[in-house]
Amino acid sequence: MSAKSAEIFFKSESRYRTLVENSCDIIFSLDTEGNFTFVSHAWKTVLGHDRGDAVGHNFRKFIHPEDIPRYETSIMTALQTNSAQEVTYRIHHADGSWRWHTSRGTPHVDENGVLTVIGMAYDVTERLRIEEIMTQTEKMIMISGMAAGMAHEINNPLGAILQHAQNIERRVSTGIPANLKAAAEVGVDLDLVRAYLQKRGIFDFIGHIRTAGMRASVIISNMLYFSRRSESGAEYIDLSALLDRVLELAGTDYHLKKKYDFRRIDLQRDYAADLPLVPLVVAELEQVLLNIIHNAAQAMAGAAMRREPRITLRTRLSEGMVLIEIEDNGPGMDEATRLRIFEPFFSTKEVGVSTGLGLSVAYAIVTKGHRGAIEVQSRPGEGSCFTVKLPLQGKA
């Protein structure tokens, strides 16, 4: 190498080293066994781990166990096909959290003939979270239109069923002169007709029809609410007092339904002391919170709990929003369930126990009615945490 060529080489190497060490994304290299041979300064900045914790150690030490097979496949494919490969996975941060990163690795043979994989990794956690919210919102927009159409289509025949069930009861009533006249014209005793209907349980059947019809009517009302924006006026409310009242209502509901006992649940309150009054529609937010709390109580009642059941209500301020967290230590849910939890008619409960509309209506109340957001974090065996985010300014 000539002196001129050497000068160009070292200037080029210095330039690339500067680029690597000042990159906001992690630049790394792995040997064929998956051990780090180099990580850039961004390793410390992004992950919080010292670079010395990585170099000489295997990538498996840092990647979530569920994502290791996918990462291994990416490296093997890159080496076998001599091509760049991209993979998304969770990596452990020094603060104990798992965040999603995407890496793009390419095989490289250095001047000594050593084969490595050189790659760049960047944090995509927020992007994935936003994509999930957008996907969920898009799905809710589509389903809300379908729900409105279904509700209107079902309302007409349902109204006819309820009206005719009521008419049947009226037509055999002895208190209506027209009934007595018609019975006399055909030569029957209306009291005997009623006695026969009573003995054969016909009146009970009609009552069941009306009860089922009213239940269906409630479901349709929920579907219609889900599909439209609420126009109810908001009030400025002391949120801590509202949450205390919701817990009282939840305990009262036990005495009516006997499905779970709030006296056996440790109810924790962790309210922020500096909360301002929050603009909201009281009845609607009570509906949201009661639904979430009831779901938590039912889930814990139906699980083999090895610890004392606990529900924690927590409030705090964050970036112009007030956050309400409802956290339980129940059985939790898997990722597939978590992603569908706000879908209409989706339920993990037995048929007949739930309509599957509670959380979808809650989603509509918070996002449409209050211009807020509702999210859930959960893992099997680790409980669930619902977060309701409400803006501090009133609804437009």
Protein backbone atom coordinates (compact mmCIF):
# COMPACT_ATOMS: atom_id res chain seq x y z
CA MET A 1 0.00 0.00 0.00
CA SER A 2 1.41 3.37 -1.01
CA ALA A 3 1.67 6.24 1.43
CA LYS A 4 -1.16 8.02 -0.40
CA SER A 5 -3.37 4.91 -0.32
CA ALA A 6 -2.62 4.38 3.38
CA GLU A 7 -3.58 7.95 4.16
CA ILE A 8 -6.87 7.54 2.30
CA PHE A 9 -7.52 4.23 4.08
CA PHE A 10 -6.95 5.57 7.57
CA LYS A 11 -9.01 8.70 6.88
CA SER A 12 -11.84 6.45 5.62
CA GLU A 13 -11.53 4.18 8.65
CA SER A 14 -11.61 7.20 10.98
CA ARG A 15 -14.68 8.54 9.20
CA TYR A 16 -16.57 5.27 9.54
CA ARG A 17 -15.51 4.86 13.17
CA THR A 18 -16.90 8.34 13.91
CA LEU A 19 -20.16 7.45 12.19
CA VAL A 20 -20.46 4.17 14.12
CA GLU A 21 -19.67 5.62 17.54
CA ASN A 22 -22.05 8.56 17.10
CA SER A 23 -24.96 6.61 15.68
CA CYS A 24 -28.17 6.75 17.72
CA ASP A 25 -28.84 3.13 16.75
CA ILE A 26 -26.88 0.15 18.05
CA ILE A 27 -24.26 -1.17 15.65
CA PHE A 28 -22.91 -4.61 16.48
CA SER A 29 -21.11 -7.66 15.16
CA LEU A 30 -21.61 -11.32 16.07
CA ASP A 31 -19.39 -14.31 15.45
CA THR A 32 -20.83 -17.50 13.98
CA GLU A 33 -21.66 -18.76 17.48
CA GLY A 34 -23.76 -15.70 18.26
CA ASN A 35 -21.24 -14.00 20.56
CA PHE A 36 -20.89 -10.23 20.38
CA THR A 37 -17.50 -9.15 19.06
CA PHE A 38 -18.40 -5.46 18.98
CA VAL A 39 -21.16 -3.10 20.13
CA SER A 40 -21.24 0.65 19.60
CA HIS A 41 -21.61 3.32 22.27
CA ALA A 42 -25.37 3.37 21.61
CA TRP A 43 -25.56 -0.01 23.40
CA LYS A 44 -25.09 1.84 26.70
CA THR A 45 -27.23 4.82 25.69
CA VAL A 46 -30.19 2.78 24.44
CA LEU A 47 -30.15 -0.28 26.71
CA GLY A 48 -28.38 1.00 29.80
CA HIS A 49 -25.99 -1.98 29.85
CA ASP A 50 -22.22 -1.48 29.81
CA ARG A 51 -20.58 -2.44 26.55
CA GLY A 52 -18.38 -4.85 28.47
CA ASP A 53 -21.51 -6.79 29.45
CA ALA A 54 -22.05 -7.61 25.79
CA VAL A 55 -18.67 -8.15 24.10
CA GLY A 56 -17.70 -11.77 24.45
CA HIS A 57 -21.19 -12.76 25.56
CA ASN A 58 -23.91 -14.49 23.58
CA PHE A 59 -26.92 -12.62 22.25
CA ARG A 60 -29.17 -15.15 24.01
CA LYS A 61 -28.27 -13.46 27.30
CA PHE A 62 -30.18 -10.33 26.30
CA ILE A 63 -33.04 -11.46 24.06
CA HIS A 64 -36.41 -12.62 25.34
CA PRO A 65 -36.56 -16.44 25.50
CA GLU A 66 -39.64 -16.56 23.28
CA ASP A 67 -37.82 -14.60 20.55
CA ILE A 68 -34.51 -16.50 20.57
CA PRO A 69 -35.58 -19.09 17.94
CA ARG A 70 -36.60 -16.31 15.55
CA TYR A 71 -33.33 -14.48 16.09
CA GLU A 72 -31.31 -17.71 15.59
CA THR A 73 -33.13 -18.38 12.33
CA SER A 74 -32.33 -14.88 11.11
CA ILE A 75 -28.59 -15.32 11.77
CA MET A 76 -28.46 -18.80 10.22
CA THR A 77 -30.31 -17.61 7.12
CA ALA A 78 -27.99 -14.63 6.74
CA LEU A 79 -24.89 -16.86 6.95
CA GLN A 80 -26.24 -19.62 4.71
CA THR A 81 -27.59 -17.34 1.97
CA ASN A 82 -24.98 -14.57 2.31
CA SER A 83 -27.79 -12.03 2.42
CA ALA A 84 -29.09 -9.35 4.76
CA GLN A 85 -31.83 -10.48 7.14
CA GLU A 86 -34.19 -8.46 9.32
CA VAL A 87 -35.76 -9.63 12.57
CA THR A 88 -37.89 -8.01 15.29
CA TYR A 89 -37.56 -9.19 18.89
CA ARG A 90 -37.63 -8.11 22.54
CA ILE A 91 -34.39 -7.17 24.26
CA HIS A 92 -33.76 -6.69 27.96
CA HIS A 93 -33.06 -3.18 29.23
CA ALA A 94 -31.07 -2.38 32.32
CA ASP A 95 -34.23 -1.04 34.00
CA GLY A 96 -35.76 -4.52 33.79
CA SER A 97 -38.16 -3.81 30.94
CA TRP A 98 -38.41 -5.61 27.62
CA ARG A 99 -38.55 -3.41 24.55
CA TRP A 100 -39.03 -4.29 20.92
CA HIS A 101 -36.08 -3.82 18.58
CA THR A 102 -35.54 -4.54 14.91
CA SER A 103 -32.11 -5.67 13.66
CA ARG A 104 -30.81 -5.96 10.14
CA GLY A 105 -27.73 -8.15 9.90
CA THR A 106 -25.40 -8.86 6.99
CA PRO A 107 -22.57 -11.45 6.71
CA HIS A 108 -19.09 -9.95 6.47
CA VAL A 109 -15.63 -11.45 5.99
CA ASP A 110 -12.84 -9.23 7.34
CA GLU A 111 -9.29 -8.85 6.05
CA ASN A 112 -8.21 -11.87 8.12
CA GLY A 113 -10.90 -14.09 6.61
CA VAL A 114 -13.04 -14.13 9.79
CA LEU A 115 -16.76 -14.46 9.14
CA THR A 116 -19.10 -12.30 11.26
CA VAL A 117 -22.55 -10.81 11.05
CA ILE A 118 -22.58 -7.02 11.17
CA GLY A 119 -25.85 -5.36 11.98
CA MET A 120 -27.77 -2.36 13.19
CA ALA A 121 -30.56 -2.44 15.81
CA TYR A 122 -33.10 0.23 16.62
CA ASP A 123 -35.97 0.53 19.09
CA VAL A 124 -39.41 0.04 17.50
CA THR A 125 -41.48 -0.27 20.69
CA GLU A 126 -43.37 2.99 20.24
CA ARG A 127 -43.90 2.37 16.54
CA LEU A 128 -45.42 -1.04 17.24
CA ARG A 129 -47.59 0.40 20.01
CA ILE A 130 -48.91 3.11 17.69
CA GLU A 131 -49.50 0.55 14.94
CA GLU A 132 -51.46 -1.60 17.39
CA ILE A 133 -53.58 1.39 18.43
CA MET A 134 -54.19 2.35 14.79
CA THR A 135 -55.12 -1.22 13.90
CA GLN A 136 -57.48 -1.44 16.85
CA THR A 137 -59.03 1.94 16.01
CA GLU A 138 -59.49 0.99 12.36
CA LYS A 139 -61.10 -2.28 13.42
CA MET A 140 -63.41 -0.46 15.82
CA ILE A 141 -64.48 2.00 13.10
CA MET A 142 -65.37 -0.87 10.78
CA ILE A 143 -67.14 -2.91 13.44
CA SER A 144 -69.06 0.10 14.77
CA GLY A 145 -70.63 0.57 11.35
CA MET A 146 -71.57 -3.09 11.21
CA ALA A 147 -72.94 -2.93 14.75
CA ALA A 148 -75.19 0.00 13.90
CA GLY A 149 -76.55 -1.78 10.83
CA MET A 150 -77.16 -5.02 12.73
CA ALA A 151 -78.85 -3.22 15.61
CA HIS A 152 -81.29 -1.40 13.34
CA GLU A 153 -82.07 -4.56 11.39
CA ILE A 154 -82.71 -6.58 14.58
CA ASN A 155 -84.73 -3.85 16.29
CA ASN A 156 -87.79 -4.20 14.02
CA PRO A 157 -88.40 -7.97 14.41
CA LEU A 158 -87.49 -7.76 18.09
CA GLY A 159 -90.06 -5.03 18.60
CA ALA A 160 -92.68 -7.21 16.91
CA ILE A 161 -91.80 -10.18 19.15
CA LEU A 162 -92.13 -8.14 22.34
CA GLN A 163 -95.32 -6.43 21.18
CA HIS A 164 -97.03 -9.68 20.17
CA ALA A 165 -95.98 -11.40 23.42
CA GLN A 166 -97.66 -8.55 25.28
CA ASN A 167 -100.74 -8.78 23.02
CA ILE A 168 -101.10 -12.52 23.74
CA GLU A 169 -101.22 -11.76 27.46
CA ARG A 170 -103.77 -8.98 26.87
CA ARG A 171 -106.01 -11.13 24.65
CA VAL A 172 -106.60 -13.66 27.42
CA SER A 173 -107.07 -11.08 30.17
CA THR A 174 -110.48 -11.20 31.86
CA GLY A 175 -110.33 -7.47 32.54
CA ILE A 176 -110.91 -6.47 28.90
CA PRO A 177 -114.57 -6.49 27.75
CA ALA A 178 -113.68 -7.32 24.14
CA ASN A 179 -112.01 -10.56 25.31
CA LEU A 180 -115.10 -11.61 27.29
CA LYS A 181 -117.34 -10.84 24.31
CA ALA A 182 -115.19 -12.88 21.89
CA ALA A 183 -115.06 -15.81 24.34
CA ALA A 184 -118.85 -15.76 24.72
CA GLU A 185 -119.32 -15.71 20.92
CA VAL A 186 -117.35 -18.95 20.52
CA GLY A 187 -118.83 -20.53 23.65
CA VAL A 188 -115.78 -20.78 25.92
CA ASP A 189 -115.21 -19.67 29.48
CA LEU A 190 -112.24 -17.28 29.53
CA ASP A 191 -111.41 -18.18 33.14
CA LEU A 192 -111.11 -21.85 32.09
CA VAL A 193 -108.90 -20.85 29.16
CA ARG A 194 -106.65 -18.96 31.53
CA ALA A 195 -106.59 -21.91 33.94
CA TYR A 196 -105.49 -24.22 31.12
CA LEU A 197 -102.76 -21.79 29.98
CA GLN A 198 -101.57 -21.46 33.55
CA LYS A 199 -101.52 -25.23 34.12
CA ARG A 200 -99.55 -25.87 30.92
CA GLY A 201 -97.03 -23.12 31.72
CA ILE A 202 -97.95 -20.99 28.70
CA PHE A 203 -97.78 -17.78 30.70
CA ASP A 204 -94.28 -18.77 31.86
CA PHE A 205 -93.24 -19.32 28.23
CA ILE A 206 -94.53 -15.88 27.30
CA GLY A 207 -92.66 -14.41 30.27
CA HIS A 208 -89.43 -16.07 29.12
CA ILE A 209 -89.97 -14.63 25.63
CA ARG A 210 -90.37 -11.14 27.06
CA THR A 211 -87.34 -11.53 29.38
CA ALA A 212 -85.15 -12.76 26.51
CA GLY A 213 -86.48 -9.96 24.31
CA MET A 214 -85.61 -7.32 26.91
CA ARG A 215 -82.13 -8.82 27.26
CA ALA A 216 -81.71 -8.63 23.50
CA SER A 217 -82.95 -5.03 23.63
CA VAL A 218 -80.20 -4.15 26.11
CA ILE A 219 -77.62 -5.77 23.82
CA ILE A 220 -78.90 -3.73 20.88
CA SER A 221 -78.77 -0.52 22.95
CA ASN A 222 -75.13 -1.30 23.73
CA MET A 223 -74.42 -1.95 20.06
CA LEU A 224 -75.98 1.37 19.10
CA TYR A 225 -74.00 3.16 21.81
CA PHE A 226 -70.84 1.47 20.54
CA SER A 227 -71.51 2.77 17.03
CA ARG A 228 -72.19 6.41 17.84
CA ARG A 229 -70.53 9.22 19.72
CA SER A 230 -72.19 10.21 22.95
CA GLU A 231 -73.55 13.75 23.09
CA SER A 232 -73.97 13.80 26.89
CA GLY A 233 -72.53 16.82 28.65
CA ALA A 234 -69.43 16.51 30.80
CA GLU A 235 -68.98 17.74 34.35
CA TYR A 236 -65.79 18.59 36.22
CA ILE A 237 -65.51 15.78 38.77
CA ASP A 238 -63.34 14.85 41.75
CA LEU A 239 -61.97 11.60 40.35
CA SER A 240 -60.94 10.13 43.71
CA ALA A 241 -64.49 10.50 45.05
CA LEU A 242 -65.86 8.94 41.86
CA LEU A 243 -63.57 5.92 42.17
CA ASP A 244 -64.60 5.41 45.81
CA ARG A 245 -68.26 5.46 44.75
CA VAL A 246 -67.57 2.95 41.96
CA LEU A 247 -66.06 0.55 44.49
CA GLU A 248 -69.13 0.93 46.69
CA LEU A 249 -71.37 0.18 43.72
CA ALA A 250 -69.29 -2.87 42.81
CA GLY A 251 -69.70 -4.25 46.32
CA THR A 252 -73.47 -3.69 46.17
CA ASP A 253 -73.65 -5.59 42.88
CA TYR A 254 -72.26 -8.67 44.61
CA HIS A 255 -75.25 -8.83 46.93
CA LEU A 256 -77.56 -8.83 43.90
CA LYS A 257 -75.81 -11.39 41.72
CA LYS A 258 -73.81 -13.59 44.13
CA LYS A 259 -71.10 -14.26 41.53
CA TYR A 260 -68.13 -12.94 43.49
CA ASP A 261 -67.51 -11.48 46.89
CA PHE A 262 -65.76 -8.12 47.08
CA ARG A 263 -65.34 -8.70 50.80
CA ARG A 264 -62.76 -11.32 49.89
CA ILE A 265 -60.85 -8.96 47.58
CA ASP A 266 -58.14 -6.64 48.90
CA LEU A 267 -59.08 -3.27 47.40
CA GLN A 268 -56.09 -0.93 47.23
CA ARG A 269 -56.34 2.80 46.52
CA ASP A 270 -53.35 4.72 45.22
CA TYR A 271 -54.73 8.15 44.25
CA ALA A 272 -52.53 11.05 43.19
CA ALA A 273 -52.89 13.92 45.64
CA ASP A 274 -52.52 16.70 43.06
CA LEU A 275 -55.27 15.74 40.61
CA PRO A 276 -57.36 18.63 39.28
CA LEU A 277 -61.08 18.23 38.57
CA VAL A 278 -61.54 16.07 35.46
CA PRO A 279 -64.18 16.73 32.75
CA LEU A 280 -66.21 13.56 32.19
CA VAL A 281 -69.70 12.10 31.91
CA VAL A 282 -70.17 10.49 35.32
CA ALA A 283 -72.62 7.72 34.39
CA GLU A 284 -70.55 6.70 31.38
CA LEU A 285 -67.24 6.52 33.20
CA GLU A 286 -68.88 4.61 36.06
CA GLN A 287 -70.05 2.09 33.46
CA VAL A 288 -66.50 1.73 32.11
CA LEU A 289 -64.88 1.29 35.51
CA LEU A 290 -67.55 -1.05 36.87
CA ASN A 291 -67.20 -3.28 33.82
CA ILE A 292 -63.43 -3.55 34.22
CA ILE A 293 -63.66 -4.15 37.99
CA HIS A 294 -66.39 -6.79 37.57
CA ASN A 295 -64.32 -8.57 34.93
CA ALA A 296 -61.33 -8.61 37.28
CA ALA A 297 -63.40 -9.95 40.15
CA GLN A 298 -64.99 -12.65 38.00
CA ALA A 299 -61.62 -13.71 36.57
CA MET A 300 -60.14 -14.06 40.05
CA ALA A 301 -63.24 -15.88 41.35
CA GLY A 302 -62.97 -18.39 38.50
CA ALA A 303 -59.25 -19.03 38.93
CA ALA A 304 -57.35 -21.13 41.45
CA MET A 305 -55.79 -18.19 43.28
CA ARG A 306 -52.75 -19.03 45.40
CA ARG A 307 -52.58 -15.49 46.74
CA GLU A 308 -55.09 -13.09 48.21
CA PRO A 309 -57.16 -11.53 45.39
CA ARG A 310 -56.29 -7.86 44.96
CA ILE A 311 -57.55 -4.99 42.83
CA THR A 312 -55.63 -1.71 42.86
CA LEU A 313 -57.10 1.57 41.61
CA ARG A 314 -54.40 4.08 40.81
CA THR A 315 -54.52 7.63 39.42
CA ARG A 316 -51.77 9.91 38.14
CA LEU A 317 -51.07 12.75 35.72
CA SER A 318 -49.08 12.28 32.53
CA GLU A 319 -48.59 14.71 29.64
CA GLY A 320 -51.87 16.58 30.01
CA MET A 321 -53.85 13.40 30.64
CA VAL A 322 -55.21 11.86 33.81
CA LEU A 323 -54.54 8.12 33.98
CA ILE A 324 -56.76 5.65 35.82
CA GLU A 325 -55.18 2.23 36.28
CA ILE A 326 -57.22 -0.78 37.38
CA GLU A 327 -54.76 -3.56 38.18
CA ASP A 328 -55.52 -7.05 39.47
CA ASN A 329 -53.35 -10.00 40.45
CA GLY A 330 -55.58 -12.56 38.79
CA PRO A 331 -54.91 -15.17 36.08
CA GLY A 332 -54.08 -12.62 33.37
CA MET A 333 -54.51 -13.32 29.67
CA ASP A 334 -52.38 -14.41 26.74
CA GLU A 335 -51.37 -12.07 23.93
CA ALA A 336 -54.01 -13.35 21.51
CA THR A 337 -56.76 -12.60 24.03
CA ARG A 338 -55.29 -9.20 24.94
CA LEU A 339 -55.33 -8.10 21.30
CA ARG A 340 -59.03 -8.99 20.93
CA ILE A 341 -60.30 -7.92 24.34
CA PHE A 342 -62.10 -4.77 23.05
CA GLU A 343 -63.81 -6.50 20.11
CA PRO A 344 -67.62 -6.65 20.24
CA PHE A 345 -69.01 -10.10 21.17
CA PHE A 346 -65.57 -11.42 22.10
CA SER A 347 -65.65 -13.04 25.52
CA THR A 348 -63.62 -15.60 27.44
CA LYS A 349 -66.62 -16.42 29.63
CA GLU A 350 -69.10 -19.24 29.15
CA VAL A 351 -72.00 -18.76 26.74
CA GLY A 352 -74.85 -16.97 28.51
CA VAL A 353 -72.63 -15.43 31.18
CA SER A 354 -71.56 -12.45 29.07
CA THR A 355 -72.70 -10.68 25.92
CA GLY A 356 -69.12 -9.82 24.98
CA LEU A 357 -70.08 -6.15 24.58
CA GLY A 358 -68.97 -4.69 27.92
CA LEU A 359 -65.39 -3.80 27.05
CA SER A 360 -66.22 -2.79 23.47
CA VAL A 361 -68.76 -0.31 24.83
CA ALA A 362 -66.16 0.85 27.37
CA TYR A 363 -63.74 1.39 24.47
CA ALA A 364 -66.34 3.50 22.63
CA ILE A 365 -67.16 5.55 25.74
CA VAL A 366 -63.52 6.39 26.41
CA THR A 367 -62.30 6.94 22.83
CA LYS A 368 -65.38 8.47 21.20
CA GLY A 369 -67.25 9.98 24.10
CA HIS A 370 -64.25 11.35 26.00
CA ARG A 371 -61.53 11.59 23.32
CA GLY A 372 -59.30 9.46 25.50
CA ALA A 373 -57.64 6.06 25.22
CA ILE A 374 -57.91 2.70 26.94
CA GLU A 375 -55.17 0.07 26.96
CA VAL A 376 -54.49 -3.23 28.69
CA GLN A 377 -51.27 -4.95 29.66
CA SER A 378 -51.38 -8.56 30.76
CA ARG A 379 -49.48 -11.82 30.85
CA PRO A 380 -50.73 -15.28 31.86
CA GLY A 381 -50.37 -15.76 35.60
CA GLU A 382 -49.35 -12.14 36.19
CA GLY A 383 -52.69 -10.34 36.35
CA SER A 384 -53.98 -7.53 34.13
CA CYS A 385 -53.76 -3.75 34.19
CA PHE A 386 -56.29 -1.60 32.32
CA THR A 387 -55.29 2.03 31.81
CA VAL A 388 -57.93 4.64 31.02
CA LYS A 389 -56.48 7.93 29.75
CA LEU A 390 -58.67 11.03 29.85
CA PRO A 391 -57.76 14.52 28.61
CA LEU A 392 -57.94 17.33 31.14
CA GLN A 393 -59.68 19.64 28.69
CA GLY A 394 -63.37 19.13 28.02
CA LYS A 395 -64.84 17.35 25.02
CA ALA A 396 -65.15 19.29 21.81
